[in-house]
């Protein structure tokens, strides 16, 4: 799959702190989730694309352009939804989005028509002439999405697009992002700490920590477990700590020893399955639940961050 962004050895420091530490990755076409804990460098990376945070060394290639050097040449190809609020006092959403369209290179008349259509698309058609100071946080997030979309860009950069939203607005924005990616084939980078949002909307993931890439790839491949190994979750009616220890003593790899005990097992190892019940019976316990478990993006996230901390 063709890459829309190629980033190599990006370095950005705030004093002695490396916000981006020789960061490199390839962003494929489609919807990519940019993940990482607070301070990982996500927002700095997005702002580096836009020349807001100049970097010391490295390169960013967008199609055949170098960023931010060629930013003026591609201003109509990139849309940006910032994390911070951008409303102007006593200004309607219609006027504001129209203005942002002209800033992206549209004529006044075209920008006005595009603002009308885009605000309707994000669900603010009836509120487009209202003062934005009367808007809820969810409505403001939709305005910011509209400003990113108004000039029909090739690439959307969305920084915490659902921040501060109530549940209804949160769901609506996720539906919009899914529609933009799936139905309108937009290339989107979503920077967020909300892992379920990425599982809902993205096809690719880049995980950052301490200014470095930890893992990246196709989301389905990252979440896919070894076909030969499954994770079992078991609940017993006795002492779960004791049962977890008994499993370990019998060669099982226990990954969690809370009330629900998790451990890995070869998919077709019938003897191992039977031995689980035998261990319970021999120790006066009954198995109340046994089920397989598919890892989530949160599992991958926490495991990779933990490994990254140990390596550093």
Protein backbone atom coordinates (compact mmCIF):
# COMPACT_ATOMS: atom_id res chain seq x y z
CA UNK A 1 0.00 0.00 0.00
CA UNK A 2 1.33 3.44 -0.95
CA UNK A 3 2.42 5.72 1.87
CA UNK A 4 1.05 9.23 2.12
CA UNK A 5 3.67 10.34 4.68
CA UNK A 6 7.26 9.20 5.13
CA UNK A 7 8.98 10.47 8.29
CA UNK A 8 12.66 9.91 8.90
CA UNK A 9 14.83 10.58 11.97
CA UNK A 10 12.78 13.52 13.24
CA UNK A 11 14.35 15.35 16.18
CA UNK A 12 12.56 18.06 18.17
CA UNK A 13 13.73 19.21 21.59
CA UNK A 14 12.28 21.54 24.20
CA UNK A 15 15.44 22.55 26.01
CA UNK A 16 17.09 19.23 26.78
CA UNK A 17 13.83 17.25 26.57
CA UNK A 18 13.53 15.18 23.34
CA UNK A 19 9.88 15.49 22.30
CA UNK A 20 10.76 13.64 19.09
CA UNK A 21 13.79 11.39 19.40
CA UNK A 22 14.96 10.32 15.91
CA UNK A 23 11.33 9.42 15.17
CA UNK A 24 10.68 7.52 11.93
CA UNK A 25 7.55 5.92 10.52
CA UNK A 26 5.53 5.45 7.33
CA UNK A 27 1.87 6.51 7.24
CA UNK A 28 -0.16 4.48 4.76
CA UNK A 29 -3.18 5.76 2.90
CA UNK A 30 -6.40 5.30 4.86
CA UNK A 31 -7.15 6.02 8.51
CA UNK A 32 -4.24 5.84 10.96
CA UNK A 33 -4.46 6.10 14.73
CA UNK A 34 -1.58 7.94 16.39
CA UNK A 35 -1.43 6.64 19.95
CA UNK A 36 0.69 7.20 23.02
CA UNK A 37 0.58 8.31 26.65
CA UNK A 38 0.64 11.98 27.58
CA UNK A 39 3.98 13.46 26.58
CA UNK A 40 4.66 10.80 23.94
CA UNK A 41 5.07 13.43 21.21
CA UNK A 42 1.81 13.00 19.26
CA UNK A 43 0.80 16.67 19.12
CA UNK A 44 4.39 17.76 18.53
CA UNK A 45 4.56 15.41 15.54
CA UNK A 46 1.35 16.77 14.01
CA UNK A 47 2.49 20.35 14.55
CA UNK A 48 5.85 19.51 13.00
CA UNK A 49 3.97 18.59 9.79
CA UNK A 50 2.47 22.09 9.79
CA UNK A 51 5.61 24.04 10.65
CA UNK A 52 4.15 25.13 14.00
CA UNK A 53 6.96 23.35 15.85
CA UNK A 54 10.16 23.56 13.76
CA UNK A 55 12.34 20.48 14.21
CA UNK A 56 16.10 20.32 14.53
CA UNK A 57 16.76 17.54 12.02
CA UNK A 58 15.11 14.82 9.98
CA UNK A 59 12.60 14.91 7.15
CA UNK A 60 8.87 14.69 6.46
CA UNK A 61 7.76 13.77 2.95
CA UNK A 62 4.10 14.26 2.02
CA UNK A 63 3.52 12.76 -1.43
CA UNK A 64 6.31 14.45 -3.44
CA UNK A 65 6.59 17.43 -1.11
CA UNK A 66 8.88 18.18 1.83
CA UNK A 67 7.20 19.52 4.96
CA UNK A 68 7.11 22.15 6.24
CA UNK A 69 9.25 23.66 3.41
CA UNK A 70 6.54 23.11 0.77
CA UNK A 71 3.60 23.85 3.08
CA UNK A 72 2.24 26.73 1.00
CA UNK A 73 2.15 24.47 -2.03
CA UNK A 74 0.05 21.88 -0.19
CA UNK A 75 -2.13 24.06 2.06
CA UNK A 76 -5.18 23.01 0.04
CA UNK A 77 -4.28 19.32 0.47
CA UNK A 78 -4.11 19.24 4.30
CA UNK A 79 -6.89 19.87 6.83
CA UNK A 80 -6.13 20.33 10.52
CA UNK A 81 -8.39 19.98 13.55
CA UNK A 82 -6.38 21.27 16.53
CA UNK A 83 -6.81 20.08 20.07
CA UNK A 84 -7.20 23.65 21.39
CA UNK A 85 -10.38 25.70 20.98
CA UNK A 86 -10.30 28.07 18.02
CA UNK A 87 -13.55 30.02 18.27
CA UNK A 88 -13.62 33.76 17.65
CA UNK A 89 -15.76 36.04 19.82
CA UNK A 90 -19.20 36.91 18.44
CA UNK A 91 -18.71 34.92 15.26
CA UNK A 92 -21.10 32.41 13.73
CA UNK A 93 -19.96 28.97 12.67
CA UNK A 94 -20.89 29.83 9.07
CA UNK A 95 -18.72 32.93 9.03
CA UNK A 96 -15.82 31.21 10.75
CA UNK A 97 -15.76 28.13 8.50
CA UNK A 98 -16.12 30.34 5.41
CA UNK A 99 -13.12 32.39 6.55
CA UNK A 100 -11.06 29.24 7.10
CA UNK A 101 -12.00 28.08 3.61
CA UNK A 102 -10.63 31.28 2.09
CA UNK A 103 -7.45 30.84 4.15
CA UNK A 104 -7.06 27.44 2.46
CA UNK A 105 -7.26 29.05 -0.97
CA UNK A 106 -10.96 28.90 -1.87
CA UNK A 107 -12.71 31.88 -3.42
CA UNK A 108 -15.16 33.69 -1.14
CA UNK A 109 -18.24 32.32 -2.94
CA UNK A 110 -16.87 28.78 -3.09
CA UNK A 111 -15.83 28.91 0.57
CA UNK A 112 -19.32 30.08 1.55
CA UNK A 113 -21.01 27.23 -0.33
CA UNK A 114 -18.54 24.69 1.03
CA UNK A 115 -19.06 26.01 4.58
CA UNK A 116 -22.83 25.62 4.18
CA UNK A 117 -22.46 22.03 2.93
CA UNK A 118 -19.79 21.01 5.43
CA UNK A 119 -21.62 22.34 8.47
CA UNK A 120 -24.69 20.44 7.33
CA UNK A 121 -22.57 17.29 6.93
CA UNK A 122 -21.21 17.47 10.50
CA UNK A 123 -24.70 18.03 11.92
CA UNK A 124 -24.68 21.80 12.49
CA UNK A 125 -26.92 22.87 9.62
CA UNK A 126 -29.55 24.44 11.88
CA UNK A 127 -26.97 26.08 14.16
CA UNK A 128 -24.66 27.48 11.50
CA UNK A 129 -25.67 31.13 12.04
CA UNK A 130 -25.50 30.99 15.85
CA UNK A 131 -22.73 32.67 17.84
CA UNK A 132 -20.17 29.93 18.54
CA UNK A 133 -19.88 31.13 22.15
CA UNK A 134 -23.27 29.49 22.73
CA UNK A 135 -21.99 26.12 21.46
CA UNK A 136 -21.34 23.08 23.64
CA UNK A 137 -17.93 21.41 23.53
CA UNK A 138 -19.29 18.71 21.25
CA UNK A 139 -20.61 21.33 18.82
CA UNK A 140 -17.23 23.08 18.86
CA UNK A 141 -15.50 19.83 17.97
CA UNK A 142 -17.83 19.55 14.98
CA UNK A 143 -17.02 23.13 13.94
CA UNK A 144 -13.31 22.32 14.07
CA UNK A 145 -13.91 19.20 11.98
CA UNK A 146 -15.83 21.34 9.48
CA UNK A 147 -12.92 23.80 9.19
CA UNK A 148 -10.57 20.88 8.53
CA UNK A 149 -12.93 19.57 5.82
CA UNK A 150 -14.17 22.74 4.14
CA UNK A 151 -11.55 22.78 1.35
CA UNK A 152 -11.87 19.00 0.69
CA UNK A 153 -8.27 18.12 1.60
CA UNK A 154 -6.38 14.96 0.72
CA UNK A 155 -5.15 14.49 4.31
CA UNK A 156 -6.95 15.23 7.58
CA UNK A 157 -4.97 15.71 10.80
CA UNK A 158 -7.32 15.32 13.77
CA UNK A 159 -5.86 16.04 17.21
CA UNK A 160 -8.10 14.64 19.99
CA UNK A 161 -11.25 15.05 17.84
CA UNK A 162 -13.66 13.85 20.56
CA UNK A 163 -12.10 15.66 23.55
CA UNK A 164 -14.71 17.03 25.95
CA UNK A 165 -17.67 15.60 24.04
CA UNK A 166 -20.80 14.27 25.69
CA UNK A 167 -21.63 10.64 24.76
CA UNK A 168 -23.98 11.60 21.91
CA UNK A 169 -21.52 14.01 20.29
CA UNK A 170 -18.69 11.51 20.82
CA UNK A 171 -20.63 8.84 18.94
CA UNK A 172 -21.60 11.26 16.16
CA UNK A 173 -18.00 12.35 15.57
CA UNK A 174 -16.79 8.75 15.44
CA UNK A 175 -19.50 8.01 12.88
CA UNK A 176 -18.34 11.02 10.82
CA UNK A 177 -14.71 9.87 10.92
CA UNK A 178 -15.73 6.34 9.90
CA UNK A 179 -17.82 7.72 7.05
CA UNK A 180 -15.00 9.97 5.86
CA UNK A 181 -12.57 7.06 5.83
CA UNK A 182 -14.83 4.34 4.47
CA UNK A 183 -17.28 6.13 2.17
CA UNK A 184 -15.24 9.18 1.11
CA UNK A 185 -11.83 7.46 1.18
CA UNK A 186 -10.16 10.27 3.09
CA UNK A 187 -6.66 9.85 4.44
CA UNK A 188 -6.88 10.62 8.16
CA UNK A 189 -4.46 10.71 11.07
CA UNK A 190 -6.22 10.64 14.45
CA UNK A 191 -4.14 11.57 17.47
CA UNK A 192 -5.87 10.39 20.63
CA UNK A 193 -5.40 8.58 23.93
CA UNK A 194 -8.86 6.96 23.61
CA UNK A 195 -8.05 3.46 22.40
CA UNK A 196 -11.65 2.37 21.64
CA UNK A 197 -11.94 5.35 19.26
CA UNK A 198 -9.03 3.96 17.24
CA UNK A 199 -10.48 0.44 17.21
CA UNK A 200 -13.74 1.95 15.87
CA UNK A 201 -12.26 4.11 13.12
CA UNK A 202 -8.69 3.23 12.12
CA UNK A 203 -7.15 0.60 9.86
CA UNK A 204 -3.55 1.36 10.88
CA UNK A 205 -1.85 2.27 14.16
CA UNK A 206 1.35 4.06 15.14
CA UNK A 207 2.19 3.80 18.85
CA UNK A 208 4.57 6.42 20.25
CA UNK A 209 6.32 6.68 23.60
CA UNK A 210 8.93 9.21 24.73
CA UNK A 211 9.25 10.63 21.24
CA UNK A 212 9.96 7.29 19.59
CA UNK A 213 7.98 4.79 17.56
CA UNK A 214 7.17 1.70 19.60
CA UNK A 215 5.07 -0.26 17.13
CA UNK A 216 3.16 0.39 13.91
CA UNK A 217 1.17 -1.58 11.39
CA UNK A 218 -2.18 -2.83 10.21
CA UNK A 219 -4.59 -2.87 13.16
CA UNK A 220 -5.95 -6.32 12.38
CA UNK A 221 -2.45 -7.79 12.21
CA UNK A 222 -1.46 -6.13 15.49
CA UNK A 223 -4.52 -7.54 17.26
CA UNK A 224 -4.29 -10.97 15.68
CA UNK A 225 -3.03 -13.62 18.08
CA UNK A 226 -0.83 -16.54 17.15
CA UNK A 227 -3.16 -18.99 15.41
CA UNK A 228 -1.63 -21.88 17.37
CA UNK A 229 -1.93 -20.21 20.78
CA UNK A 230 -5.11 -19.05 22.52
CA UNK A 231 -5.63 -17.25 25.79
CA UNK A 232 -8.02 -18.94 28.22
CA UNK A 233 -9.81 -17.21 31.06
CA UNK A 234 -10.96 -19.37 33.98
CA UNK A 235 -12.95 -18.71 37.14
CA UNK A 236 -12.94 -21.24 40.01
CA UNK A 237 -15.05 -21.50 43.17
CA UNK A 238 -11.98 -21.88 45.38
CA UNK A 239 -8.86 -19.83 46.09
CA UNK A 240 -7.98 -18.30 42.72
CA UNK A 241 -4.43 -17.44 43.83
CA UNK A 242 -3.83 -21.05 44.79
CA UNK A 243 -5.28 -22.31 41.51
CA UNK A 244 -3.09 -19.89 39.52
CA UNK A 245 -0.04 -21.21 41.37
CA UNK A 246 -1.09 -24.80 40.72
CA UNK A 247 -1.38 -24.03 37.01
CA UNK A 248 2.09 -22.51 36.98
CA UNK A 249 3.47 -25.52 38.84
CA UNK A 250 2.03 -27.70 36.07
CA UNK A 251 3.67 -25.76 33.25
CA UNK A 252 0.98 -23.24 32.34
CA UNK A 253 1.98 -19.66 31.47
CA UNK A 254 -0.31 -17.61 33.72
CA UNK A 255 -0.65 -13.98 32.52
CA UNK A 256 -3.19 -12.80 35.07
CA UNK A 257 -3.94 -14.19 38.55
CA UNK A 258 -6.89 -12.10 39.68
CA UNK A 259 -10.35 -13.60 40.28
CA UNK A 260 -10.41 -14.37 36.55
CA UNK A 261 -7.22 -16.32 35.78
CA UNK A 262 -5.69 -15.92 32.31
CA UNK A 263 -3.14 -18.24 30.72
CA UNK A 264 -1.96 -19.32 27.28
CA UNK A 265 -2.43 -22.78 25.84
CA UNK A 266 -1.83 -24.46 22.49
CA UNK A 267 -5.11 -24.53 20.59
CA UNK A 268 -5.16 -28.30 19.85
CA UNK A 269 -3.56 -29.59 23.05
CA UNK A 270 -6.43 -31.71 24.37
CA UNK A 271 -4.29 -33.18 27.17
CA UNK A 272 -3.63 -29.70 28.54
CA UNK A 273 -7.37 -28.91 28.50
CA UNK A 274 -8.14 -32.07 30.46
CA UNK A 275 -5.35 -31.40 32.95
CA UNK A 276 -6.95 -28.06 33.88
CA UNK A 277 -10.05 -29.87 35.13
CA UNK A 278 -7.91 -32.56 36.76
CA UNK A 279 -5.91 -29.96 38.72
CA UNK A 280 -9.13 -28.37 39.95
CA UNK A 281 -10.73 -31.71 40.93
CA UNK A 282 -7.62 -32.96 42.75
CA UNK A 283 -7.56 -29.81 44.85
CA UNK A 284 -11.25 -29.70 45.72
CA UNK A 285 -12.14 -26.90 43.31
CA UNK A 286 -14.73 -26.55 40.56
CA UNK A 287 -14.30 -24.57 37.35
CA UNK A 288 -17.22 -22.18 37.04
CA UNK A 289 -16.22 -20.46 33.78
CA UNK A 290 -13.81 -21.09 30.93
CA UNK A 291 -13.66 -18.89 27.84
CA UNK A 292 -11.19 -17.73 25.21
CA UNK A 293 -10.04 -14.12 25.17
CA UNK A 294 -9.04 -11.95 22.20
CA UNK A 295 -6.61 -9.20 23.10
CA UNK A 296 -7.71 -5.59 22.68
CA UNK A 297 -5.75 -2.59 21.51
CA UNK A 298 -5.48 -1.60 25.17
CA UNK A 299 -3.71 -4.90 25.91
CA UNK A 300 -1.23 -4.26 23.09
CA UNK A 301 -0.79 -0.64 24.18
CA UNK A 302 -0.04 -1.48 27.81
CA UNK A 303 2.25 -4.39 26.95
CA UNK A 304 4.28 -2.41 24.43
CA UNK A 305 4.60 0.63 26.71
CA UNK A 306 5.73 -1.62 29.57
CA UNK A 307 8.34 -3.31 27.34
CA UNK A 308 9.50 0.09 26.08
CA UNK A 309 10.04 1.32 29.64
CA UNK A 310 12.11 -1.76 30.47
CA UNK A 311 14.25 -1.32 27.35
CA UNK A 312 14.92 2.31 28.23
